[in-house]
N, C-alpha and C. Protein backbone atom coordinates (compact mmCIF):
# COMPACT_ATOMS: atom_id res chain seq x y z
N MET A 1 0.18 30.24 -19.76
CA MET A 1 0.32 28.86 -20.19
C MET A 1 -0.17 27.93 -19.06
N ALA A 2 -1.00 26.98 -19.39
CA ALA A 2 -1.54 26.05 -18.40
C ALA A 2 -0.47 25.05 -17.98
N ARG A 3 -0.39 24.81 -16.68
CA ARG A 3 0.57 23.86 -16.16
C ARG A 3 -0.04 22.46 -16.17
N MET A 4 0.70 21.52 -16.70
CA MET A 4 0.21 20.14 -16.73
C MET A 4 0.43 19.51 -15.36
N TYR A 5 -0.62 18.95 -14.79
CA TYR A 5 -0.50 18.26 -13.51
C TYR A 5 -0.69 16.79 -13.77
N SER A 6 0.27 16.01 -13.36
CA SER A 6 0.11 14.56 -13.51
C SER A 6 0.26 13.90 -12.14
N ASP A 7 -0.75 13.17 -11.75
CA ASP A 7 -0.77 12.47 -10.47
C ASP A 7 0.25 11.33 -10.55
N PRO A 8 1.19 11.27 -9.61
CA PRO A 8 2.17 10.18 -9.65
C PRO A 8 1.53 8.79 -9.54
N LEU A 9 0.34 8.71 -8.96
CA LEU A 9 -0.36 7.42 -8.88
C LEU A 9 -0.89 6.99 -10.24
N VAL A 10 -1.19 7.96 -11.11
CA VAL A 10 -1.61 7.66 -12.49
C VAL A 10 -0.37 7.30 -13.31
N VAL A 11 0.66 8.14 -13.22
CA VAL A 11 1.90 7.91 -13.96
C VAL A 11 2.50 6.55 -13.58
N GLY A 12 2.47 6.22 -12.29
CA GLY A 12 3.02 4.95 -11.81
C GLY A 12 2.12 3.75 -12.04
N GLY A 13 0.92 3.97 -12.59
CA GLY A 13 0.02 2.87 -12.91
C GLY A 13 -0.75 2.32 -11.73
N VAL A 14 -0.62 2.93 -10.55
CA VAL A 14 -1.38 2.46 -9.38
C VAL A 14 -2.87 2.64 -9.66
N ILE A 15 -3.23 3.87 -10.13
CA ILE A 15 -4.60 4.10 -10.58
C ILE A 15 -4.66 3.51 -11.98
N GLY A 16 -5.46 2.49 -12.12
CA GLY A 16 -5.53 1.75 -13.37
C GLY A 16 -5.25 0.28 -13.12
N ASP A 17 -4.05 -0.03 -12.65
CA ASP A 17 -3.68 -1.43 -12.41
C ASP A 17 -4.34 -2.00 -11.16
N ILE A 18 -4.49 -1.15 -10.11
CA ILE A 18 -4.94 -1.68 -8.81
C ILE A 18 -6.29 -1.11 -8.40
N VAL A 19 -6.45 0.20 -8.50
CA VAL A 19 -7.70 0.87 -8.12
C VAL A 19 -8.11 1.82 -9.23
N ASP A 20 -9.39 2.23 -9.21
CA ASP A 20 -9.89 3.14 -10.23
C ASP A 20 -9.58 4.60 -9.94
N ASN A 21 -9.42 4.93 -8.67
CA ASN A 21 -9.09 6.29 -8.29
C ASN A 21 -8.72 6.32 -6.81
N VAL A 22 -8.21 7.45 -6.35
CA VAL A 22 -7.90 7.67 -4.94
C VAL A 22 -8.47 9.04 -4.60
N THR A 23 -9.23 9.13 -3.51
CA THR A 23 -9.90 10.40 -3.20
C THR A 23 -9.01 11.43 -2.51
N HIS A 24 -7.92 11.00 -1.89
CA HIS A 24 -6.97 11.90 -1.20
C HIS A 24 -7.64 12.78 -0.14
N VAL A 25 -8.56 12.22 0.65
CA VAL A 25 -9.23 13.02 1.68
C VAL A 25 -8.51 13.01 3.03
N VAL A 26 -7.59 12.07 3.24
CA VAL A 26 -6.77 12.09 4.45
C VAL A 26 -5.31 11.97 4.03
N LYS A 27 -4.42 12.27 4.97
CA LYS A 27 -2.99 12.17 4.69
C LYS A 27 -2.45 10.94 5.41
N MET A 28 -1.60 10.21 4.69
CA MET A 28 -0.97 9.03 5.26
C MET A 28 0.53 9.15 5.04
N THR A 29 1.30 8.89 6.09
CA THR A 29 2.75 8.83 5.93
C THR A 29 3.22 7.43 6.27
N VAL A 30 4.15 6.93 5.45
CA VAL A 30 4.72 5.60 5.63
C VAL A 30 6.22 5.79 5.80
N THR A 31 6.76 5.32 6.91
CA THR A 31 8.18 5.51 7.20
C THR A 31 8.82 4.20 7.63
N TYR A 32 9.91 3.83 6.95
CA TYR A 32 10.70 2.66 7.33
C TYR A 32 11.84 3.12 8.22
N GLY A 33 12.07 2.40 9.30
CA GLY A 33 13.13 2.78 10.23
C GLY A 33 12.82 4.15 10.82
N SER A 34 13.85 4.90 11.10
CA SER A 34 13.62 6.20 11.73
C SER A 34 13.50 7.33 10.72
N SER A 35 13.89 7.08 9.44
CA SER A 35 13.95 8.23 8.54
C SER A 35 13.60 7.98 7.08
N LYS A 36 13.34 6.76 6.66
CA LYS A 36 13.07 6.50 5.25
C LYS A 36 11.58 6.62 4.93
N GLN A 37 11.13 7.86 4.67
CA GLN A 37 9.73 8.07 4.34
C GLN A 37 9.48 7.65 2.90
N VAL A 38 8.32 7.03 2.65
CA VAL A 38 7.96 6.57 1.31
C VAL A 38 7.35 7.75 0.54
N TYR A 39 7.90 8.00 -0.64
CA TYR A 39 7.37 9.00 -1.57
C TYR A 39 7.07 8.28 -2.88
N ASN A 40 6.01 8.69 -3.55
CA ASN A 40 5.59 8.04 -4.79
C ASN A 40 6.73 7.91 -5.79
N GLY A 41 7.00 6.66 -6.19
CA GLY A 41 7.97 6.40 -7.24
C GLY A 41 9.42 6.37 -6.81
N HIS A 42 9.73 6.68 -5.56
CA HIS A 42 11.12 6.63 -5.11
C HIS A 42 11.53 5.18 -4.91
N GLU A 43 12.82 4.92 -5.08
CA GLU A 43 13.30 3.55 -4.92
C GLU A 43 13.84 3.33 -3.52
N LEU A 44 13.45 2.20 -2.93
CA LEU A 44 13.99 1.77 -1.64
C LEU A 44 14.60 0.38 -1.83
N LEU A 45 15.67 0.11 -1.13
CA LEU A 45 16.32 -1.20 -1.22
C LEU A 45 15.57 -2.22 -0.37
N PRO A 46 15.56 -3.50 -0.81
CA PRO A 46 14.90 -4.53 0.00
C PRO A 46 15.39 -4.57 1.44
N SER A 47 16.69 -4.33 1.67
CA SER A 47 17.21 -4.35 3.04
C SER A 47 16.62 -3.21 3.88
N THR A 48 16.22 -2.12 3.25
CA THR A 48 15.62 -0.98 3.95
C THR A 48 14.19 -1.27 4.37
N VAL A 49 13.49 -2.11 3.60
CA VAL A 49 12.05 -2.35 3.84
C VAL A 49 11.77 -3.73 4.45
N ALA A 50 12.81 -4.34 5.04
CA ALA A 50 12.66 -5.68 5.61
C ALA A 50 11.70 -5.70 6.79
N ASN A 51 11.70 -4.63 7.59
CA ASN A 51 10.84 -4.59 8.77
C ASN A 51 9.60 -3.73 8.51
N LYS A 52 8.55 -4.05 9.21
CA LYS A 52 7.27 -3.35 9.10
C LYS A 52 7.47 -1.84 9.27
N PRO A 53 6.87 -1.03 8.38
CA PRO A 53 7.00 0.42 8.50
C PRO A 53 6.02 1.00 9.51
N LYS A 54 6.23 2.26 9.86
CA LYS A 54 5.25 2.99 10.67
C LYS A 54 4.33 3.69 9.68
N VAL A 55 3.04 3.46 9.81
CA VAL A 55 2.04 4.08 8.92
C VAL A 55 1.14 4.96 9.78
N GLU A 56 1.18 6.26 9.52
CA GLU A 56 0.39 7.22 10.30
C GLU A 56 -0.73 7.81 9.46
N VAL A 57 -1.88 8.02 10.11
CA VAL A 57 -3.05 8.60 9.46
C VAL A 57 -3.30 9.98 10.06
N HIS A 58 -3.37 11.00 9.20
CA HIS A 58 -3.57 12.38 9.65
C HIS A 58 -4.78 12.99 8.93
N GLY A 59 -5.28 14.10 9.47
CA GLY A 59 -6.32 14.87 8.79
C GLY A 59 -7.70 14.25 8.85
N CYS A 60 -8.01 13.60 9.96
CA CYS A 60 -9.33 13.00 10.14
C CYS A 60 -9.62 13.00 11.64
N ASP A 61 -10.79 12.54 12.01
CA ASP A 61 -11.10 12.54 13.44
C ASP A 61 -10.89 11.15 14.03
N MET A 62 -10.78 11.09 15.34
CA MET A 62 -10.49 9.84 16.03
C MET A 62 -11.66 8.85 16.00
N ARG A 63 -12.83 9.29 15.58
CA ARG A 63 -13.98 8.38 15.51
C ARG A 63 -14.00 7.60 14.19
N SER A 64 -13.09 7.93 13.28
CA SER A 64 -13.01 7.22 12.00
C SER A 64 -12.08 6.02 12.13
N PHE A 65 -12.37 4.97 11.34
CA PHE A 65 -11.52 3.78 11.32
C PHE A 65 -11.10 3.49 9.89
N PHE A 66 -9.88 2.98 9.75
CA PHE A 66 -9.30 2.79 8.43
C PHE A 66 -8.73 1.39 8.27
N THR A 67 -8.65 0.94 7.01
CA THR A 67 -8.02 -0.31 6.65
C THR A 67 -6.84 0.00 5.75
N LEU A 68 -5.70 -0.58 6.06
CA LEU A 68 -4.48 -0.43 5.27
C LEU A 68 -4.23 -1.72 4.51
N VAL A 69 -3.96 -1.58 3.20
CA VAL A 69 -3.64 -2.73 2.36
C VAL A 69 -2.32 -2.43 1.65
N MET A 70 -1.38 -3.37 1.69
CA MET A 70 -0.12 -3.23 0.95
C MET A 70 -0.01 -4.39 -0.03
N THR A 71 0.20 -4.05 -1.32
CA THR A 71 0.34 -5.10 -2.33
C THR A 71 1.49 -4.80 -3.29
N ASP A 72 1.88 -5.84 -4.02
CA ASP A 72 2.85 -5.74 -5.11
C ASP A 72 2.10 -6.17 -6.38
N PRO A 73 1.82 -5.22 -7.29
CA PRO A 73 1.08 -5.56 -8.50
C PRO A 73 1.96 -6.11 -9.63
N ASP A 74 3.25 -6.29 -9.38
CA ASP A 74 4.19 -6.65 -10.44
C ASP A 74 4.79 -8.06 -10.28
N VAL A 75 3.98 -9.00 -9.78
CA VAL A 75 4.45 -10.36 -9.52
C VAL A 75 4.09 -11.27 -10.70
N PRO A 76 5.01 -12.11 -11.18
CA PRO A 76 6.38 -12.27 -10.71
C PRO A 76 7.35 -11.21 -11.27
N GLY A 77 6.97 -10.56 -12.36
CA GLY A 77 7.81 -9.50 -12.92
C GLY A 77 6.95 -8.47 -13.61
N PRO A 78 7.42 -7.22 -13.69
CA PRO A 78 6.59 -6.15 -14.25
C PRO A 78 6.20 -6.33 -15.72
N SER A 79 7.00 -7.08 -16.49
CA SER A 79 6.66 -7.25 -17.91
C SER A 79 5.55 -8.28 -18.12
N ASP A 80 5.36 -9.18 -17.16
CA ASP A 80 4.28 -10.18 -17.24
C ASP A 80 3.76 -10.49 -15.84
N PRO A 81 2.98 -9.56 -15.27
CA PRO A 81 2.52 -9.72 -13.87
C PRO A 81 1.30 -10.64 -13.73
N TYR A 82 1.43 -11.89 -14.21
CA TYR A 82 0.28 -12.78 -14.24
C TYR A 82 -0.18 -13.23 -12.85
N LEU A 83 0.61 -12.97 -11.81
CA LEU A 83 0.17 -13.30 -10.44
C LEU A 83 -0.33 -12.06 -9.70
N ARG A 84 -0.54 -10.96 -10.42
CA ARG A 84 -0.98 -9.70 -9.81
C ARG A 84 -2.20 -9.93 -8.95
N GLU A 85 -2.31 -9.36 -7.79
CA GLU A 85 -1.38 -8.67 -6.96
C GLU A 85 -0.91 -9.63 -5.88
N HIS A 86 0.27 -9.39 -5.32
CA HIS A 86 0.71 -10.17 -4.17
C HIS A 86 0.44 -9.33 -2.93
N LEU A 87 -0.26 -9.94 -1.99
CA LEU A 87 -0.66 -9.24 -0.76
C LEU A 87 0.48 -9.29 0.26
N HIS A 88 0.89 -8.11 0.74
CA HIS A 88 1.98 -8.03 1.72
C HIS A 88 1.51 -7.71 3.13
N TRP A 89 0.32 -7.08 3.28
CA TRP A 89 -0.07 -6.65 4.62
C TRP A 89 -1.51 -6.15 4.60
N ILE A 90 -2.29 -6.48 5.64
CA ILE A 90 -3.61 -5.88 5.86
C ILE A 90 -3.74 -5.57 7.36
N VAL A 91 -4.08 -4.32 7.65
CA VAL A 91 -4.37 -3.90 9.02
C VAL A 91 -5.73 -3.19 8.97
N THR A 92 -6.66 -3.60 9.85
CA THR A 92 -7.99 -2.99 9.89
C THR A 92 -8.18 -2.23 11.20
N ASP A 93 -9.25 -1.49 11.28
CA ASP A 93 -9.67 -0.79 12.51
C ASP A 93 -8.59 0.15 13.05
N ILE A 94 -7.88 0.83 12.15
CA ILE A 94 -6.89 1.82 12.58
C ILE A 94 -7.65 3.11 12.92
N PRO A 95 -7.60 3.57 14.17
CA PRO A 95 -8.31 4.80 14.51
C PRO A 95 -7.66 6.01 13.84
N GLY A 96 -8.50 6.97 13.42
CA GLY A 96 -7.98 8.19 12.82
C GLY A 96 -7.03 8.90 13.76
N THR A 97 -6.07 9.64 13.20
CA THR A 97 -5.04 10.40 13.90
C THR A 97 -4.08 9.52 14.71
N THR A 98 -4.00 8.21 14.39
CA THR A 98 -3.04 7.33 15.06
C THR A 98 -2.18 6.66 13.99
N ASP A 99 -1.59 5.53 14.35
CA ASP A 99 -0.83 4.77 13.35
C ASP A 99 -1.29 3.32 13.36
N ALA A 100 -0.77 2.55 12.40
CA ALA A 100 -1.24 1.18 12.17
C ALA A 100 -1.05 0.26 13.37
N THR A 101 -0.15 0.61 14.30
CA THR A 101 0.05 -0.25 15.47
C THR A 101 -1.20 -0.27 16.35
N PHE A 102 -2.09 0.72 16.19
CA PHE A 102 -3.34 0.75 16.97
C PHE A 102 -4.45 -0.05 16.29
N GLY A 103 -4.20 -0.56 15.09
CA GLY A 103 -5.19 -1.34 14.37
C GLY A 103 -5.06 -2.83 14.65
N LYS A 104 -5.83 -3.61 13.89
CA LYS A 104 -5.85 -5.06 14.04
C LYS A 104 -5.18 -5.66 12.79
N GLU A 105 -4.01 -6.29 13.00
CA GLU A 105 -3.29 -6.88 11.88
C GLU A 105 -3.99 -8.18 11.47
N MET A 106 -4.56 -8.18 10.26
CA MET A 106 -5.30 -9.35 9.76
C MET A 106 -4.38 -10.27 8.95
N ILE A 107 -3.47 -9.67 8.19
CA ILE A 107 -2.46 -10.40 7.42
C ILE A 107 -1.12 -9.78 7.80
N GLY A 108 -0.22 -10.58 8.35
CA GLY A 108 1.07 -10.08 8.83
C GLY A 108 1.93 -9.49 7.72
N TYR A 109 2.79 -8.56 8.09
CA TYR A 109 3.68 -7.90 7.14
C TYR A 109 4.66 -8.91 6.54
N GLU A 110 4.76 -8.89 5.22
CA GLU A 110 5.74 -9.71 4.51
C GLU A 110 6.68 -8.78 3.77
N MET A 111 7.97 -8.92 4.03
CA MET A 111 8.93 -8.01 3.40
C MET A 111 8.97 -8.20 1.89
N PRO A 112 9.17 -7.10 1.15
CA PRO A 112 9.31 -7.18 -0.31
C PRO A 112 10.56 -7.97 -0.70
N ARG A 113 10.38 -8.88 -1.67
CA ARG A 113 11.50 -9.67 -2.20
C ARG A 113 11.38 -9.78 -3.72
N PRO A 114 11.52 -8.67 -4.44
CA PRO A 114 11.37 -8.75 -5.89
C PRO A 114 12.53 -9.53 -6.53
N ASN A 115 12.22 -10.42 -7.47
CA ASN A 115 13.26 -11.19 -8.16
C ASN A 115 13.59 -10.63 -9.53
N ILE A 116 12.55 -10.27 -10.29
CA ILE A 116 12.75 -9.84 -11.68
C ILE A 116 12.27 -8.41 -11.84
N GLY A 117 13.13 -7.51 -12.26
CA GLY A 117 12.72 -6.15 -12.59
C GLY A 117 12.41 -5.28 -11.38
N ILE A 118 11.88 -4.11 -11.68
CA ILE A 118 11.53 -3.13 -10.64
C ILE A 118 10.05 -3.29 -10.30
N HIS A 119 9.76 -3.56 -9.05
CA HIS A 119 8.39 -3.75 -8.60
C HIS A 119 7.89 -2.51 -7.87
N ARG A 120 6.56 -2.29 -7.96
CA ARG A 120 5.91 -1.24 -7.18
C ARG A 120 5.31 -1.89 -5.94
N PHE A 121 5.49 -1.25 -4.80
CA PHE A 121 4.87 -1.71 -3.56
C PHE A 121 3.95 -0.59 -3.11
N VAL A 122 2.66 -0.90 -3.02
CA VAL A 122 1.63 0.12 -2.87
C VAL A 122 0.92 -0.01 -1.53
N PHE A 123 0.83 1.12 -0.83
CA PHE A 123 0.05 1.21 0.41
C PHE A 123 -1.23 1.95 0.08
N MET A 124 -2.38 1.35 0.37
CA MET A 124 -3.66 2.01 0.15
C MET A 124 -4.42 2.05 1.46
N LEU A 125 -5.01 3.20 1.75
CA LEU A 125 -5.76 3.39 2.98
C LEU A 125 -7.22 3.60 2.62
N PHE A 126 -8.09 2.78 3.22
CA PHE A 126 -9.54 2.87 2.98
C PHE A 126 -10.23 3.29 4.27
N LYS A 127 -11.24 4.13 4.15
CA LYS A 127 -12.03 4.52 5.32
C LYS A 127 -13.16 3.50 5.49
N GLN A 128 -13.25 2.95 6.69
CA GLN A 128 -14.31 1.99 7.00
C GLN A 128 -15.59 2.74 7.36
N LYS A 129 -16.73 2.10 7.12
CA LYS A 129 -18.02 2.69 7.49
C LYS A 129 -18.17 2.72 9.01
N ARG A 130 -17.59 1.71 9.68
CA ARG A 130 -17.63 1.62 11.14
C ARG A 130 -16.53 0.65 11.58
N ARG A 131 -16.30 0.59 12.88
CA ARG A 131 -15.30 -0.34 13.43
C ARG A 131 -15.72 -1.79 13.16
N SER A 132 -14.76 -2.65 12.96
CA SER A 132 -14.98 -4.09 12.74
C SER A 132 -15.86 -4.38 11.53
N SER A 133 -15.83 -3.51 10.52
CA SER A 133 -16.67 -3.73 9.35
C SER A 133 -15.98 -4.58 8.28
N VAL A 134 -14.66 -4.79 8.41
CA VAL A 134 -13.95 -5.63 7.44
C VAL A 134 -14.05 -7.07 7.91
N VAL A 135 -14.79 -7.86 7.14
CA VAL A 135 -15.04 -9.24 7.55
C VAL A 135 -14.49 -10.25 6.55
N SER A 136 -14.28 -9.81 5.31
CA SER A 136 -13.81 -10.73 4.27
C SER A 136 -12.32 -10.51 4.02
N VAL A 137 -11.49 -11.36 4.66
CA VAL A 137 -10.04 -11.26 4.51
C VAL A 137 -9.56 -12.56 3.89
N PRO A 138 -8.74 -12.48 2.84
CA PRO A 138 -8.31 -13.70 2.15
C PRO A 138 -7.36 -14.55 3.00
N SER A 139 -7.30 -15.82 2.67
CA SER A 139 -6.38 -16.73 3.35
C SER A 139 -5.13 -16.94 2.50
N TYR A 140 -5.04 -16.23 1.38
CA TYR A 140 -3.93 -16.39 0.44
C TYR A 140 -3.31 -15.02 0.15
N ARG A 141 -2.11 -15.02 -0.40
CA ARG A 141 -1.43 -13.77 -0.73
C ARG A 141 -1.34 -13.53 -2.23
N ASP A 142 -1.21 -14.61 -3.02
CA ASP A 142 -1.09 -14.45 -4.47
C ASP A 142 -2.44 -14.20 -5.12
N GLN A 143 -2.41 -13.44 -6.20
CA GLN A 143 -3.59 -13.08 -6.98
C GLN A 143 -4.68 -12.42 -6.14
N PHE A 144 -4.25 -11.63 -5.18
CA PHE A 144 -5.15 -10.79 -4.39
C PHE A 144 -5.68 -9.69 -5.32
N ASN A 145 -6.89 -9.23 -5.09
CA ASN A 145 -7.45 -8.16 -5.91
C ASN A 145 -7.99 -7.07 -4.99
N THR A 146 -7.32 -5.92 -4.99
CA THR A 146 -7.70 -4.81 -4.11
C THR A 146 -9.11 -4.34 -4.40
N ARG A 147 -9.48 -4.24 -5.68
CA ARG A 147 -10.84 -3.78 -6.04
C ARG A 147 -11.91 -4.70 -5.44
N ILE A 148 -11.72 -6.02 -5.59
CA ILE A 148 -12.70 -6.98 -5.07
C ILE A 148 -12.72 -6.93 -3.54
N PHE A 149 -11.55 -6.85 -2.91
CA PHE A 149 -11.47 -6.75 -1.45
C PHE A 149 -12.26 -5.52 -0.96
N ALA A 150 -12.06 -4.38 -1.62
CA ALA A 150 -12.76 -3.15 -1.23
C ALA A 150 -14.27 -3.30 -1.43
N GLN A 151 -14.69 -3.94 -2.53
CA GLN A 151 -16.14 -4.15 -2.78
C GLN A 151 -16.74 -5.08 -1.73
N GLU A 152 -16.08 -6.21 -1.47
CA GLU A 152 -16.61 -7.19 -0.52
C GLU A 152 -16.75 -6.62 0.89
N ASN A 153 -15.92 -5.62 1.22
CA ASN A 153 -15.95 -5.04 2.56
C ASN A 153 -16.55 -3.64 2.58
N ASP A 154 -17.19 -3.24 1.47
CA ASP A 154 -17.89 -1.96 1.38
C ASP A 154 -16.99 -0.78 1.78
N LEU A 155 -15.78 -0.75 1.20
CA LEU A 155 -14.80 0.26 1.57
C LEU A 155 -14.75 1.45 0.61
N GLY A 156 -15.28 1.30 -0.59
CA GLY A 156 -15.22 2.40 -1.55
C GLY A 156 -13.80 2.58 -2.09
N LEU A 157 -13.50 3.79 -2.55
CA LEU A 157 -12.18 4.10 -3.09
C LEU A 157 -11.21 4.38 -1.96
N PRO A 158 -9.91 4.15 -2.18
CA PRO A 158 -8.94 4.51 -1.15
C PRO A 158 -8.96 6.01 -0.89
N VAL A 159 -8.74 6.39 0.38
CA VAL A 159 -8.72 7.81 0.75
C VAL A 159 -7.29 8.35 0.75
N ALA A 160 -6.31 7.45 0.64
CA ALA A 160 -4.90 7.84 0.53
C ALA A 160 -4.15 6.65 -0.06
N ALA A 161 -3.06 6.94 -0.77
CA ALA A 161 -2.21 5.88 -1.33
C ALA A 161 -0.82 6.44 -1.58
N VAL A 162 0.17 5.57 -1.46
CA VAL A 162 1.55 5.94 -1.77
C VAL A 162 2.26 4.65 -2.19
N PHE A 163 3.25 4.77 -3.09
CA PHE A 163 3.98 3.58 -3.51
C PHE A 163 5.47 3.88 -3.64
N PHE A 164 6.27 2.81 -3.49
CA PHE A 164 7.70 2.93 -3.75
C PHE A 164 8.10 1.83 -4.72
N ASN A 165 9.23 2.02 -5.37
CA ASN A 165 9.79 1.03 -6.27
C ASN A 165 10.90 0.28 -5.55
N CYS A 166 11.08 -0.98 -5.93
CA CYS A 166 12.08 -1.81 -5.27
C CYS A 166 12.52 -2.88 -6.26
N GLN A 167 13.82 -3.15 -6.29
CA GLN A 167 14.32 -4.24 -7.11
C GLN A 167 15.34 -5.04 -6.31
N ARG A 168 15.62 -6.21 -6.81
CA ARG A 168 16.55 -7.12 -6.14
C ARG A 168 17.90 -6.44 -5.92
N GLU A 169 18.44 -6.64 -4.73
CA GLU A 169 19.75 -6.06 -4.43
C GLU A 169 20.86 -6.98 -4.91
N THR A 170 21.82 -6.40 -5.59
CA THR A 170 23.01 -7.17 -5.95
C THR A 170 24.04 -6.91 -4.86
N ALA A 171 25.07 -7.72 -4.82
CA ALA A 171 26.11 -7.53 -3.78
C ALA A 171 26.71 -6.13 -3.84
N SER A 172 26.91 -5.60 -5.03
CA SER A 172 27.51 -4.28 -5.17
C SER A 172 26.58 -3.16 -4.68
N ARG A 173 25.28 -3.37 -4.78
CA ARG A 173 24.31 -2.34 -4.35
C ARG A 173 24.16 -2.30 -2.84
N ARG A 174 24.55 -3.37 -2.15
CA ARG A 174 24.39 -3.41 -0.69
C ARG A 174 25.46 -2.61 0.04
N ARG A 175 26.56 -2.32 -0.65
CA ARG A 175 27.67 -1.64 0.02
C ARG A 175 27.32 -0.25 0.45
């Protein structure tokens, strides 16, 4: 009997809503604090993701450079995301086999603050053709478009992606 394989990025709508595909040629790990690693579709509380995560790039050589983009495609709410996507973070020129702190932060990290429903927060990693090749960075955060950003900067498809779900914390959920 054939086993059905479903990519969590397809099931979660990341492929489709934000990008056309992900090549998965490098490995990226995203960790909040000392131990909260991001796994596709897992829920993290807003209080857990308030501070910038550590984003590590593995499985490539040090001569490669990468751009990290973090967006929320569910703004203002998942049932009517007419402000899709909200830009949370852009870091360029991340050397391979290092982490995002070695890159150039173009748009500062903005903590997730979902108001309505469960939002997806997506990290996408693009391989640059060369260092300092990302020149078109938006001055706004709302209605950002990852596909257009990748086209304008000749980035191609993301080489890695991961997303988590997050919803507004109620007083009872914070305990």
